[in-house]
C-alpha cells in the first residue's frame, strides 16, 4: 500500500511538472491558475463546512478583502509585494476573529443568513469606498509580484507558485483532520451537544476553523490580485460565494481532496456554459449560469449529498448493525 501511494504521488507530481510544457494555450493555463486559487478557498471552506459543520456564504468576502489588501498595500502605500501578500490573509483572519464569535452562535439557516449578510455588506463597501478601492471601476496600479530578484509576470510562473501553495494547503489540511483537532471537529460535526459533553470547547473550535478558512481565502485573494494586477468588486459578490459552496459540496465536503476536484468541475462547467449558452440562447445573460449551478447544487444534495469523493456515512455500518443485531424470537 505504501508503494502504491508513493507511485501515485510520483505520477501526480510528474503530471503537475509537465503540464505547462504540454499545454501551450495561455487560456487553458490561465484556467488552471484560477482553479488553483479557488482550490485554496474551497479547502478552507471544506474544513469549516465538512468537518466543523458550519455553513458559510461569506468566503467571497474574505477572498475580496485579501485581494484588496494586497492591492492597496502594494499599489497605494508602496509595500513590497511579498510583504503585501503576507498581509493579505492576516486582515481577513482578523476580521473573522471579530465577527466570528457572534455569527457562529447562530444555528442552521440563521448562520447562513448571517454569513450571507456579511458578504453582501463587504461587497457594498468595496463598491462604495471609491477613494480607497476604486469603486465599481476597480483598482489599478498593482505591481507585478516579486520575491527578491524574481519577478512573476507569466501564467507559467503563477501556475507553479499557486499549485505549490495548493499542495502545501492540502498537506496542512490532511494533517489537521488526522490530528486530535480533526477528531474533535468530527465530534462537533456529529453532535455539538455530545462534543460539549465530552469536554470539547465547541465555540472556540468553531471560531478557530472559521478564522483558518478566512486566512486561506485571504491568501488566495492576495495571489489573485498579483496575478490579474487589477481588482474590482464583481468577482467577490454573492455568486462567488455560491460557487465556493458548490465546489465543496460537489467534490465532497468531508474529504480533503474533494474541494479541489469540485473546483475543477465547477470552473470547467462555467467555461463550458460561457461557450455553449450563447449558441443555444444568443440573448441569454449571466443569470442562466446562476440558474444552472443552482440546479446542480439541488441535484447533488438530492442524489449525492456526500459529493463525488465522499462516502456514504452509515451505509456499511448500518448493514453491519442489522446483521449483528439480535433477531426477535419466533414463537
Protein backbone atom coordinates (compact mmCIF):
# COMPACT_ATOMS: atom_id res chain seq x y z
CA UNK A 1 0.00 0.00 0.00
CA UNK A 2 2.85 2.38 0.80
CA UNK A 3 4.47 1.62 -2.56
CA UNK A 4 1.17 2.33 -4.33
CA UNK A 5 0.80 5.65 -2.58
CA UNK A 6 4.39 6.56 -3.47
CA UNK A 7 3.86 5.65 -7.13
CA UNK A 8 0.59 7.61 -7.24
CA UNK A 9 2.31 10.63 -5.69
CA UNK A 10 5.19 10.46 -8.18
CA UNK A 11 2.78 10.19 -11.12
CA UNK A 12 0.77 13.19 -9.92
CA UNK A 13 3.98 15.17 -9.34
CA UNK A 14 5.27 14.34 -12.83
CA UNK A 15 1.97 15.39 -14.41
CA UNK A 16 1.99 18.59 -12.38
CA UNK A 17 5.51 19.50 -13.51
CA UNK A 18 4.94 18.56 -17.15
CA UNK A 19 1.52 20.14 -17.63
CA UNK A 20 2.73 23.66 -18.57
CA UNK A 21 5.02 22.08 -21.14
CA UNK A 22 2.13 20.19 -22.72
CA UNK A 23 -0.46 22.98 -22.59
CA UNK A 24 0.69 25.67 -24.98
CA UNK A 25 -2.53 27.70 -24.75
CA UNK A 26 -2.35 30.59 -22.32
CA UNK A 27 -6.14 30.41 -22.00
CA UNK A 28 -6.17 26.88 -20.55
CA UNK A 29 -3.15 27.57 -18.38
CA UNK A 30 -4.92 30.64 -17.01
CA UNK A 31 -7.93 28.47 -16.18
CA UNK A 32 -5.67 26.11 -14.22
CA UNK A 33 -4.31 29.07 -12.27
CA UNK A 34 -7.84 30.17 -11.37
CA UNK A 35 -8.70 26.58 -10.38
CA UNK A 36 -5.70 26.61 -8.05
CA UNK A 37 -6.83 29.88 -6.44
CA UNK A 38 -10.36 28.57 -5.97
CA UNK A 39 -8.98 25.31 -4.57
CA UNK A 40 -7.25 27.16 -1.73
CA UNK A 41 -10.52 28.91 -0.82
CA UNK A 42 -12.52 25.68 -1.15
CA UNK A 43 -10.14 23.66 1.05
CA UNK A 44 -10.61 26.17 3.87
CA UNK A 45 -14.37 26.19 3.38
CA UNK A 46 -14.32 22.38 3.29
CA UNK A 47 -12.78 22.29 6.76
CA UNK A 48 -15.48 24.67 8.00
CA UNK A 49 -18.42 23.00 6.26
CA UNK A 50 -17.44 19.36 6.03
CA UNK A 51 -15.68 18.90 9.37
CA UNK A 52 -16.94 21.67 11.67
CA UNK A 53 -20.44 21.54 10.18
CA UNK A 54 -20.74 25.33 9.78
CA UNK A 55 -22.19 26.69 6.53
CA UNK A 56 -20.70 29.98 5.34
CA UNK A 57 -21.73 32.11 2.37
CA UNK A 58 -19.16 34.75 3.24
CA UNK A 59 -16.00 33.24 1.77
CA UNK A 60 -16.13 35.53 -1.27
CA UNK A 61 -15.96 38.49 1.12
CA UNK A 62 -12.77 37.19 2.76
CA UNK A 63 -11.41 36.43 -0.72
CA UNK A 64 -12.11 40.03 -1.74
CA UNK A 65 -10.67 41.54 1.43
CA UNK A 66 -7.45 39.63 0.84
CA UNK A 67 -7.28 40.78 -2.78
CA UNK A 68 -7.87 44.44 -1.94
CA UNK A 69 -5.45 44.28 0.99
CA UNK A 70 -2.63 43.12 -1.28
CA UNK A 71 -3.63 45.59 -4.00
CA UNK A 72 -3.89 48.68 -1.78
CA UNK A 73 -0.80 47.97 0.32
CA UNK A 74 1.38 47.39 -2.74
CA UNK A 75 -0.23 49.92 -5.09
CA UNK A 76 -1.14 52.84 -2.82
CA UNK A 77 1.28 52.51 0.06
CA UNK A 78 4.24 51.04 -1.85
CA UNK A 79 4.70 47.91 0.26
CA UNK A 80 6.92 45.23 -1.25
CA UNK A 81 4.64 42.68 -2.99
CA UNK A 82 5.91 39.83 -0.82
CA UNK A 83 5.05 41.76 2.36
CA UNK A 84 1.68 42.79 0.94
CA UNK A 85 0.93 39.15 0.11
CA UNK A 86 1.86 38.16 3.67
CA UNK A 87 -0.63 40.73 4.99
CA UNK A 88 -3.40 39.63 2.61
CA UNK A 89 -4.53 36.60 4.68
CA UNK A 90 -3.94 38.31 8.04
CA UNK A 91 -6.57 41.04 7.58
CA UNK A 92 -9.41 38.63 6.65
CA UNK A 93 -8.40 36.37 9.54
CA UNK A 94 -8.57 39.36 11.92
CA UNK A 95 -12.00 40.29 10.56
CA UNK A 96 -13.14 36.68 11.03
CA UNK A 97 -11.88 36.74 14.62
CA UNK A 98 -14.00 39.84 15.31
CA UNK A 99 -17.25 38.75 13.65
CA UNK A 100 -16.86 35.00 14.16
CA UNK A 101 -17.94 34.72 17.76
CA UNK A 102 -21.36 36.41 17.36
CA UNK A 103 -22.06 34.89 13.93
CA UNK A 104 -21.16 31.34 14.95
CA UNK A 105 -23.67 31.49 17.78
CA UNK A 106 -26.34 31.28 15.10
CA UNK A 107 -27.71 27.93 14.01
CA UNK A 108 -28.84 26.37 10.73
CA UNK A 109 -30.38 28.85 8.27
CA UNK A 110 -29.73 31.76 10.65
CA UNK A 111 -26.00 31.10 10.29
CA UNK A 112 -26.39 31.05 6.50
CA UNK A 113 -28.22 34.38 6.60
CA UNK A 114 -25.61 35.88 8.93
CA UNK A 115 -22.67 34.98 6.71
CA UNK A 116 -24.66 35.99 3.63
CA UNK A 117 -25.35 39.41 5.16
CA UNK A 118 -21.67 39.86 5.97
CA UNK A 119 -20.73 39.02 2.38
CA UNK A 120 -23.23 41.49 0.96
CA UNK A 121 -22.01 44.20 3.35
CA UNK A 122 -18.38 43.74 2.27
CA UNK A 123 -19.40 43.78 -1.39
CA UNK A 124 -21.25 47.09 -0.89
CA UNK A 125 -18.26 48.60 0.93
CA UNK A 126 -15.94 47.59 -1.92
CA UNK A 127 -18.25 49.33 -4.38
CA UNK A 128 -18.91 52.48 -2.35
CA UNK A 129 -15.43 53.20 -0.91
CA UNK A 130 -14.34 54.79 -4.19
CA UNK A 131 -11.42 56.71 -2.73
CA UNK A 132 -9.86 53.55 -1.29
CA UNK A 133 -10.93 50.70 -3.57
CA UNK A 134 -11.68 52.49 -6.83
CA UNK A 135 -15.36 51.63 -6.55
CA UNK A 136 -17.16 49.76 -9.36
CA UNK A 137 -14.43 50.78 -11.83
CA UNK A 138 -11.89 48.73 -9.90
CA UNK A 139 -8.39 49.27 -8.57
CA UNK A 140 -5.41 49.52 -10.90
CA UNK A 141 -1.70 50.08 -10.41
CA UNK A 142 -0.92 46.75 -8.77
CA UNK A 143 2.74 45.89 -9.39
CA UNK A 144 3.98 42.52 -10.56
CA UNK A 145 4.68 40.09 -7.77
CA UNK A 146 8.36 39.83 -6.97
CA UNK A 147 10.37 37.93 -4.39
CA UNK A 148 13.94 39.18 -4.24
CA UNK A 149 15.16 39.39 -7.81
CA UNK A 150 12.49 37.03 -9.19
CA UNK A 151 9.56 38.74 -10.94
CA UNK A 152 6.42 36.70 -11.63
CA UNK A 153 4.64 38.05 -14.70
CA UNK A 154 3.58 34.94 -16.65
CA UNK A 155 0.93 32.24 -16.35
CA UNK A 156 3.57 29.50 -16.08
CA UNK A 157 5.28 31.16 -13.11
CA UNK A 158 1.98 31.70 -11.29
CA UNK A 159 0.92 28.15 -12.12
CA UNK A 160 3.88 26.70 -10.25
CA UNK A 161 3.59 29.17 -7.37
CA UNK A 162 -0.13 28.70 -6.79
CA UNK A 163 -0.20 24.93 -7.18
CA UNK A 164 2.75 24.57 -4.82
CA UNK A 165 0.68 26.52 -2.30
CA UNK A 166 -2.31 24.28 -3.05
CA UNK A 167 -0.14 21.23 -2.29
CA UNK A 168 1.02 22.78 0.99
CA UNK A 169 -2.57 23.65 1.89
CA UNK A 170 -3.69 20.09 1.17
CA UNK A 171 -0.85 18.72 3.30
CA UNK A 172 -1.76 21.04 6.17
CA UNK A 173 -5.46 20.14 5.91
CA UNK A 174 -4.61 16.42 5.81
CA UNK A 175 -2.51 16.69 8.95
CA UNK A 176 -5.22 18.73 10.66
CA UNK A 177 -8.10 16.33 10.00
CA UNK A 178 -5.99 13.36 11.11
CA UNK A 179 -4.91 15.02 14.36
CA UNK A 180 -6.61 15.40 17.73
CA UNK A 181 -8.23 18.60 16.46
CA UNK A 182 -9.59 16.70 13.48
CA UNK A 183 -11.22 14.14 15.77
CA UNK A 184 -12.73 16.99 17.78
CA UNK A 185 -14.07 18.52 14.56
CA UNK A 186 -15.72 15.23 13.60
CA UNK A 187 -17.31 15.04 17.03
CA UNK A 188 -18.53 18.63 16.62
CA UNK A 189 -19.97 17.84 13.19
CA UNK A 190 -21.74 14.77 14.52
CA UNK A 191 -23.32 16.43 17.54
CA UNK A 192 -22.32 19.72 19.11
CA UNK A 193 -24.07 18.82 22.37
CA UNK A 194 -22.27 15.48 22.58
CA UNK A 195 -18.95 17.19 21.83
CA UNK A 196 -19.56 19.68 24.64
CA UNK A 197 -20.42 16.83 26.96
CA UNK A 198 -17.09 15.20 26.07
CA UNK A 199 -15.27 18.35 27.21
CA UNK A 200 -14.64 19.99 23.81
CA UNK A 201 -14.81 23.79 23.74
CA UNK A 202 -17.01 23.87 20.66
CA UNK A 203 -17.33 27.66 20.46
CA UNK A 204 -13.57 28.14 20.45
CA UNK A 205 -13.05 25.28 17.98
CA UNK A 206 -15.61 26.67 15.53
CA UNK A 207 -14.03 30.10 15.77
CA UNK A 208 -10.55 28.72 15.04
CA UNK A 209 -11.72 26.88 11.92
CA UNK A 210 -13.66 29.96 10.81
CA UNK A 211 -10.51 32.07 11.14
CA UNK A 212 -8.46 29.44 9.28
CA UNK A 213 -10.93 29.39 6.39
CA UNK A 214 -10.81 33.20 6.20
CA UNK A 215 -7.00 33.09 6.28
CA UNK A 216 -6.86 30.73 3.30
CA UNK A 217 -9.45 32.77 1.39
CA UNK A 218 -7.40 35.92 2.01
CA UNK A 219 -4.24 34.19 0.79
CA UNK A 220 -5.98 33.20 -2.43
CA UNK A 221 -7.31 36.74 -2.81
CA UNK A 222 -3.83 38.23 -2.48
CA UNK A 223 -2.49 35.84 -5.11
CA UNK A 224 -5.41 36.73 -7.37
CA UNK A 225 -4.61 40.45 -7.11
CA UNK A 226 -0.98 39.96 -8.13
CA UNK A 227 -1.93 37.53 -10.89
CA UNK A 228 -4.53 39.78 -12.54
CA UNK A 229 -2.88 43.10 -11.43
CA UNK A 230 -6.40 44.55 -11.30
CA UNK A 231 -9.28 44.04 -8.86
CA UNK A 232 -12.92 45.07 -8.96
CA UNK A 233 -15.87 44.14 -6.71
CA UNK A 234 -17.61 41.86 -9.23
CA UNK A 235 -15.52 38.67 -8.61
CA UNK A 236 -16.37 38.85 -4.89
CA UNK A 237 -20.17 39.01 -5.00
CA UNK A 238 -22.82 36.57 -3.78
CA UNK A 239 -22.42 34.49 -6.94
CA UNK A 240 -18.81 33.72 -5.98
CA UNK A 241 -19.88 32.56 -2.51
CA UNK A 242 -22.38 30.18 -4.09
CA UNK A 243 -19.67 28.78 -6.35
CA UNK A 244 -17.33 28.16 -3.41
CA UNK A 245 -20.03 26.25 -1.52
CA UNK A 246 -20.86 24.35 -4.69
CA UNK A 247 -17.22 23.33 -5.16
CA UNK A 248 -17.08 21.88 -1.66
CA UNK A 249 -20.43 20.09 -1.90
CA UNK A 250 -19.83 18.65 -5.39
CA UNK A 251 -16.32 17.43 -4.59
CA UNK A 252 -17.10 16.12 -1.13
CA UNK A 253 -17.22 18.30 1.96
CA UNK A 254 -15.96 15.58 4.30
CA UNK A 255 -12.82 14.89 2.26
CA UNK A 256 -9.58 16.80 1.88
CA UNK A 257 -9.27 16.27 -1.89
CA UNK A 258 -12.96 16.87 -2.62
CA UNK A 259 -12.86 20.69 -2.74
CA UNK A 260 -10.02 20.58 -5.29
CA UNK A 261 -11.99 18.22 -7.52
CA UNK A 262 -15.04 20.44 -7.03
CA UNK A 263 -13.04 23.47 -8.15
CA UNK A 264 -12.06 21.66 -11.36
CA UNK A 265 -15.66 20.62 -12.02
CA UNK A 266 -17.28 23.98 -11.30
CA UNK A 267 -14.73 26.08 -13.18
CA UNK A 268 -14.80 23.65 -16.10
CA UNK A 269 -18.60 23.74 -16.25
CA UNK A 270 -18.54 27.52 -16.03
CA UNK A 271 -16.21 27.80 -19.02
CA UNK A 272 -18.33 25.30 -20.95
CA UNK A 273 -21.50 27.30 -20.25
CA UNK A 274 -19.89 30.52 -21.43
CA UNK A 275 -19.26 28.78 -24.72
CA UNK A 276 -22.46 26.72 -25.03
CA UNK A 277 -25.21 29.02 -23.74
CA UNK A 278 -24.76 31.77 -26.40
CA UNK A 279 -25.02 29.07 -29.10
CA UNK A 280 -28.39 27.93 -27.78
CA UNK A 281 -29.70 31.25 -26.39
CA UNK A 282 -27.92 34.14 -28.12
CA UNK A 283 -29.58 36.78 -25.93
CA UNK A 284 -29.01 34.95 -22.65
CA UNK A 285 -27.25 36.72 -19.81
CA UNK A 286 -25.27 35.58 -16.79
CA UNK A 287 -28.42 34.66 -14.88
CA UNK A 288 -28.67 31.38 -16.83
CA UNK A 289 -25.31 30.31 -15.43
CA UNK A 290 -26.52 31.01 -11.89
CA UNK A 291 -29.70 29.01 -12.53
CA UNK A 292 -27.67 26.11 -13.92
CA UNK A 293 -25.33 25.99 -10.93
CA UNK A 294 -28.29 26.25 -8.56
CA UNK A 295 -29.86 23.24 -10.27
CA UNK A 296 -26.59 21.31 -9.93
CA UNK A 297 -26.46 22.10 -6.21
CA UNK A 298 -30.02 20.84 -5.71
CA UNK A 299 -29.36 17.63 -7.68
CA UNK A 300 -26.13 16.93 -5.80
CA UNK A 301 -27.84 17.42 -2.45
CA UNK A 302 -30.64 15.08 -3.50
CA UNK A 303 -28.73 12.24 -5.16
CA UNK A 304 -25.11 12.53 -3.99
CA UNK A 305 -25.07 14.57 -0.76
CA UNK A 306 -21.65 13.18 0.20
CA UNK A 307 -20.07 14.56 -3.01
CA UNK A 308 -18.07 12.89 -5.77
CA UNK A 309 -15.25 11.76 -3.47
CA UNK A 310 -17.32 11.33 -0.33
CA UNK A 311 -18.50 8.08 1.17
CA UNK A 312 -21.99 7.41 2.37
CA UNK A 313 -21.86 7.65 6.11
CA UNK A 314 -23.51 4.83 7.90
CA UNK A 315 -24.19 2.66 4.82
CA UNK A 316 -21.88 -0.22 5.67
CA UNK A 317 -22.20 0.39 9.36
CA UNK A 318 -25.98 0.19 9.26
CA UNK A 319 -25.90 -3.05 7.26
CA UNK A 320 -23.36 -4.48 9.71
CA UNK A 321 -25.50 -3.50 12.67
CA UNK A 322 -28.55 -5.04 11.07
CA UNK A 323 -26.70 -8.30 10.51
CA UNK A 324 -25.28 -8.41 14.02
CA UNK A 325 -28.43 -7.25 15.80
CA UNK A 326 -30.23 -9.99 17.72
CA UNK A 327 -33.32 -11.21 15.90
CA UNK A 328 -36.61 -11.43 17.76
CA UNK A 329 -37.53 -14.91 18.83
CA UNK A 330 -40.31 -16.50 16.82
CA UNK A 331 -42.95 -18.33 18.74
